[in-house]
Protein backbone atom coordinates (compact mmCIF):
# COMPACT_ATOMS: atom_id res chain seq x y z
CA MET A 1 9.26 2.94 -0.45
CA ILE A 2 7.87 2.42 -3.58
CA LYS A 3 9.01 5.27 -6.55
CA VAL A 4 7.38 5.88 -9.27
CA SER A 5 9.92 8.11 -12.14
CA HIS A 6 8.06 9.57 -15.49
CA VAL A 7 6.54 6.43 -16.11
CA THR A 8 4.28 6.56 -19.22
CA HIS A 9 1.77 3.71 -20.37
CA ARG A 10 -0.19 3.42 -23.47
CA ILE A 11 -2.89 0.92 -24.70
CA GLY A 12 -2.77 1.42 -28.67
CA GLY A 13 -3.25 4.89 -29.56
CA ALA A 14 -4.66 5.71 -26.08
CA THR A 15 -2.32 7.16 -23.44
CA ILE A 16 -3.18 5.70 -20.20
CA LEU A 17 -0.40 7.34 -17.86
CA SER A 18 1.12 10.00 -19.09
CA ASP A 19 4.58 11.14 -17.36
CA VAL A 20 3.10 9.51 -13.74
CA SER A 21 6.07 10.45 -10.89
CA VAL A 22 5.16 9.85 -7.03
CA GLU A 23 6.54 8.26 -3.83
CA LEU A 24 4.29 5.95 -2.05
CA ALA A 25 5.28 6.27 1.89
CA ALA A 26 6.44 2.97 3.27
CA GLY A 27 3.77 1.97 5.92
CA GLY A 28 0.87 2.47 6.65
CA VAL A 29 -2.10 2.66 3.87
CA THR A 30 -2.02 4.74 0.14
CA ALA A 31 -5.21 4.31 -1.33
CA LEU A 32 -5.32 5.63 -4.90
CA ILE A 33 -8.40 7.09 -5.90
CA GLY A 34 -9.64 9.01 -9.09
CA PRO A 35 -12.80 8.49 -11.51
CA ASN A 36 -12.98 5.50 -14.02
CA GLY A 37 -10.32 5.71 -16.48
CA ALA A 38 -7.84 7.76 -14.19
CA GLY A 39 -5.01 5.37 -14.79
CA LYS A 40 -5.25 3.47 -11.29
CA SER A 41 -5.11 0.17 -11.37
CA THR A 42 -2.52 0.49 -14.66
CA LEU A 43 -0.38 2.14 -12.10
CA LEU A 44 -0.70 -0.33 -10.00
CA SER A 45 -0.46 -3.23 -12.60
CA LEU A 46 2.99 -1.68 -13.51
CA ILE A 47 4.12 -1.25 -9.77
CA ALA A 48 3.42 -5.01 -9.35
CA ARG A 49 5.00 -6.06 -13.08
CA LEU A 50 1.79 -7.99 -14.17
CA ILE A 51 2.33 -5.52 -17.09
CA PRO A 52 5.63 -4.36 -18.54
CA LEU A 53 6.88 -0.66 -18.18
CA GLN A 54 7.19 0.82 -21.63
CA SER A 55 8.72 3.80 -20.54
CA GLY A 56 10.10 5.51 -17.12
CA SER A 57 11.48 3.59 -13.83
CA ILE A 58 9.58 2.00 -10.50
CA THR A 59 11.62 0.87 -7.80
CA VAL A 60 10.23 -0.95 -4.31
CA ASP A 61 12.81 -0.20 -1.53
CA ASP A 62 16.14 -1.21 -3.49
CA LEU A 63 14.36 -3.25 -6.33
CA THR A 64 14.13 -1.99 -9.59
CA ILE A 65 10.77 -3.16 -11.29
CA GLY A 66 11.90 -4.97 -14.57
CA ALA A 67 15.43 -6.21 -13.39
CA CYS A 68 14.86 -7.99 -10.65
CA PRO A 69 14.16 -11.58 -10.69
CA SER A 70 10.26 -12.08 -10.52
CA ASP A 71 10.77 -14.58 -7.23
CA VAL A 72 12.93 -11.97 -5.32
CA LEU A 73 10.27 -9.10 -5.96
CA ALA A 74 7.28 -11.88 -5.07
CA ARG A 75 9.04 -11.76 -1.65
CA LYS A 76 8.79 -8.21 -1.33
CA LEU A 77 5.30 -7.33 -3.13
CA ALA A 78 2.34 -9.24 -2.82
CA ILE A 79 -1.12 -8.25 -5.22
CA LEU A 80 -4.14 -8.91 -5.07
CA PRO A 81 -5.79 -7.99 -8.69
CA GLN A 82 -9.20 -7.57 -9.31
CA SER A 83 -9.74 -10.54 -11.50
CA ALA A 84 -8.57 -12.63 -8.47
CA ASP A 85 -10.03 -15.70 -9.07
CA ALA A 86 -8.93 -18.99 -7.91
CA ALA A 87 -9.87 -22.31 -8.56
CA PRO A 88 -13.60 -22.61 -6.56
CA ARG A 89 -13.01 -25.96 -5.59
CA LEU A 90 -9.67 -25.05 -3.91
CA THR A 91 -10.26 -24.98 -0.04
CA VAL A 92 -9.27 -22.18 1.94
CA ARG A 93 -6.12 -23.41 3.22
CA ASP A 94 -4.80 -24.81 -0.23
CA LEU A 95 -5.70 -21.11 -1.18
CA VAL A 96 -3.81 -19.78 1.91
CA SER A 97 -0.94 -22.27 1.52
CA PHE A 98 -0.26 -20.68 -2.23
CA GLY A 99 1.16 -17.39 -0.89
CA ARG A 100 4.14 -19.26 0.60
CA TYR A 101 4.81 -20.43 -2.62
CA PRO A 102 7.90 -17.89 -3.88
CA TYR A 103 10.02 -19.11 -0.84
CA HIS A 104 9.44 -23.00 -1.08
CA LYS A 105 8.75 -23.59 -4.97
CA GLY A 106 6.25 -26.40 -4.42
CA ARG A 107 8.15 -28.18 -1.39
CA GLY A 108 6.38 -26.73 1.35
CA THR A 109 8.25 -26.89 5.26
CA GLU A 110 7.37 -27.09 8.64
CA GLU A 111 7.74 -23.49 9.17
CA ASP A 112 5.43 -22.94 5.64
CA ALA A 113 2.89 -25.22 7.27
CA GLN A 114 3.06 -22.96 10.85
CA ILE A 115 2.68 -19.52 8.92
CA VAL A 116 -0.50 -20.80 7.07
CA ALA A 117 -2.06 -21.90 10.38
CA GLN A 118 -1.21 -18.86 12.01
CA THR A 119 -2.34 -16.51 8.77
CA LEU A 120 -5.64 -18.89 9.17
CA HIS A 121 -6.07 -18.53 12.73
CA ARG A 122 -5.57 -14.61 12.38
CA PHE A 123 -8.44 -14.07 9.97
CA GLY A 124 -10.38 -16.14 11.67
CA LEU A 125 -10.39 -18.90 8.78
CA ASN A 126 -9.58 -22.07 11.33
CA ASP A 127 -13.80 -22.89 10.37
CA LEU A 128 -13.71 -22.12 6.83
CA ALA A 129 -10.12 -23.67 6.09
CA GLY A 130 -11.77 -27.29 4.59
CA ARG A 131 -14.30 -25.24 2.80
CA GLN A 132 -14.08 -24.85 -0.80
CA LEU A 133 -14.22 -21.52 -2.06
CA ASP A 134 -17.38 -21.86 -4.10
CA THR A 135 -19.46 -22.46 -0.74
CA LEU A 136 -17.93 -19.11 0.45
CA SER A 137 -19.81 -16.09 0.88
CA GLY A 138 -18.44 -13.16 -1.16
CA GLY A 139 -16.61 -11.52 1.84
CA GLN A 140 -15.85 -14.84 2.89
CA ARG A 141 -13.74 -15.52 0.00
CA GLN A 142 -12.02 -12.05 0.01
CA ARG A 143 -11.00 -12.70 3.34
CA ALA A 144 -9.15 -15.75 2.43
CA GLN A 145 -7.82 -13.80 -0.61
CA VAL A 146 -6.62 -11.68 1.92
CA ALA A 147 -4.97 -14.13 4.14
CA MET A 148 -3.26 -15.61 1.00
CA ILE A 149 -1.20 -12.09 0.29
CA HIS A 150 -0.78 -11.96 4.22
CA ALA A 151 0.73 -15.83 4.43
CA GLN A 152 3.37 -14.07 1.65
CA SER A 153 5.37 -11.95 4.12
CA THR A 154 6.08 -9.37 1.79
CA ASP A 155 6.72 -5.62 3.19
CA TYR A 156 4.08 -4.13 0.48
CA VAL A 157 0.75 -5.43 -0.04
CA LEU A 158 -1.21 -4.12 -3.18
CA LEU A 159 -4.82 -4.17 -3.70
CA ASP A 160 -6.76 -3.14 -6.87
CA GLU A 161 -10.57 -2.46 -6.08
CA PRO A 162 -10.94 -5.17 -3.20
CA LEU A 163 -14.24 -4.03 -1.60
CA ASN A 164 -16.32 -4.59 -5.02
CA ASN A 165 -19.34 -6.75 -4.41
CA LEU A 166 -18.93 -6.58 -0.82
CA ASP A 167 -21.48 -5.20 1.58
CA ILE A 168 -20.80 -2.15 4.10
CA ALA A 169 -19.99 -4.88 6.96
CA ALA A 170 -17.79 -6.95 4.85
CA SER A 171 -16.31 -3.88 3.35
CA ARG A 172 -15.70 -2.39 6.90
CA SER A 173 -14.26 -5.74 8.14
CA LEU A 174 -11.74 -5.77 5.56
CA MET A 175 -10.53 -2.28 5.85
CA ARG A 176 -9.83 -3.11 9.55
CA MET A 177 -8.04 -6.25 8.59
CA LEU A 178 -5.56 -4.25 6.19
CA ARG A 179 -4.79 -1.66 8.83
CA ALA A 180 -4.03 -4.41 11.33
CA LEU A 181 -1.49 -6.08 9.00
CA GLY A 182 1.59 -4.18 9.83
CA ARG A 183 2.87 -4.04 6.04
CA THR A 184 2.64 -1.25 3.39
CA VAL A 185 -0.98 -1.18 1.77
CA VAL A 186 -1.69 0.34 -1.46
CA ILE A 187 -5.18 -0.19 -2.17
CA VAL A 188 -7.19 1.22 -5.38
CA LEU A 189 -10.76 2.24 -3.66
CA HIS A 190 -13.56 3.95 -5.50
CA ASP A 191 -15.23 4.91 -2.36
CA ILE A 192 -13.77 8.06 -1.70
CA ASN A 193 -14.91 8.10 2.30
CA TYR A 194 -13.59 4.46 2.91
CA ALA A 195 -10.25 6.38 1.54
CA SER A 196 -11.10 8.68 4.15
CA SER A 197 -11.52 6.73 7.05
CA TYR A 198 -8.87 4.20 6.88
CA ALA A 199 -5.95 5.79 4.41
CA ASP A 200 -2.85 7.25 6.30
CA GLN A 201 -2.02 8.85 2.52
CA ILE A 202 -4.44 9.40 -0.70
CA VAL A 203 -2.88 9.78 -4.08
CA ALA A 204 -5.74 11.64 -6.21
CA MET A 205 -5.21 10.70 -9.99
CA LYS A 206 -7.42 12.11 -13.00
CA ASP A 207 -6.82 11.42 -16.74
CA GLY A 208 -3.48 9.25 -16.34
CA ARG A 209 -1.93 11.79 -14.24
CA ILE A 210 -1.27 12.55 -10.73
CA HIS A 211 -3.52 15.29 -9.19
CA ALA A 212 -2.53 15.40 -5.51
CA VAL A 213 -1.27 13.53 -2.90
CA GLY A 214 -1.27 14.35 0.92
CA THR A 215 -3.34 12.85 3.93
CA PRO A 216 -6.94 12.51 4.10
CA ALA A 217 -7.53 16.22 5.08
CA ASP A 218 -4.92 17.53 2.75
CA VAL A 219 -6.79 15.71 -0.43
CA VAL A 220 -10.47 15.57 0.41
CA THR A 221 -11.69 18.84 -0.31
CA GLU A 222 -15.04 20.03 -2.07
CA ASP A 223 -12.24 21.84 -4.61
CA LEU A 224 -10.74 18.41 -5.56
CA LEU A 225 -14.71 16.42 -5.92
CA ALA A 226 -15.15 19.27 -8.09
CA ASP A 227 -11.74 19.00 -10.40
CA VAL A 228 -10.93 15.58 -10.24
CA PHE A 229 -14.66 14.00 -10.10
CA GLY A 230 -16.66 16.94 -11.78
CA THR A 231 -19.43 16.81 -8.62
CA ARG A 232 -20.09 19.31 -5.94
CA ALA A 233 -20.45 17.64 -2.85
CA THR A 234 -19.95 19.15 0.81
CA VAL A 235 -16.94 17.57 3.07
CA HIS A 236 -17.72 17.60 6.58
CA GLN A 237 -15.10 16.44 9.50
CA ILE A 238 -15.84 13.58 11.52
CA ASP A 239 -13.26 12.73 14.77
CA GLY A 240 -10.64 14.75 12.36
CA ARG A 241 -11.07 12.92 9.11
CA PRO A 242 -13.29 14.28 5.88
CA LEU A 243 -16.66 12.72 4.85
CA VAL A 244 -18.28 13.13 2.15
CA GLN A 245 -21.94 14.00 1.86
CA VAL A 246 -23.93 11.71 -0.42
């Protein structure tokens, strides 16, 4: 479980997060939703220790963010940030191999090579393994980046808006892959219908605060759309999950 307790974060004179406390369940997919500026990416970055905590506390199972060594955290939690730009001349195999660095520190073993090979196969990347990243489509590149964090073999996987610039086919494929990882996935999503369709838990944020936490059926309601996003829209139930009419 990821436990966030009384976290406040300021940038300059602006409060980005205000006394945020939330528990993100272990297992399944948790989606962070909310309008631009709600604090979703900042919260994710604090959990991943990409930016330092200013106040409050965050624990990931028995690890305390800011107190545990970075290499220990990297074997528990992996993150794919928005700006996950790798060197364009890297091959797909090289990129996926980077996921093993927290374990071998640059001295890869046969076990690391086997994990990389298994990951390439699992993500359907064998035919692309020798290709350089700048020759791939956006969907292929994103799939390779998710394969890299899968190869990191962590219990928790964090992703910040991974569907940006992906078409509907690539977006659906990526979300299905994430659900099949068998890890705890925490993902920032702008499209509320992807959150409704693929998440087990949704955390809705607004103005740096937690507005609602629960299942898609609990959270994605017409009242929430009005309160959090400032828009009125009809919510339909499709196969037991809410769908926002756009």
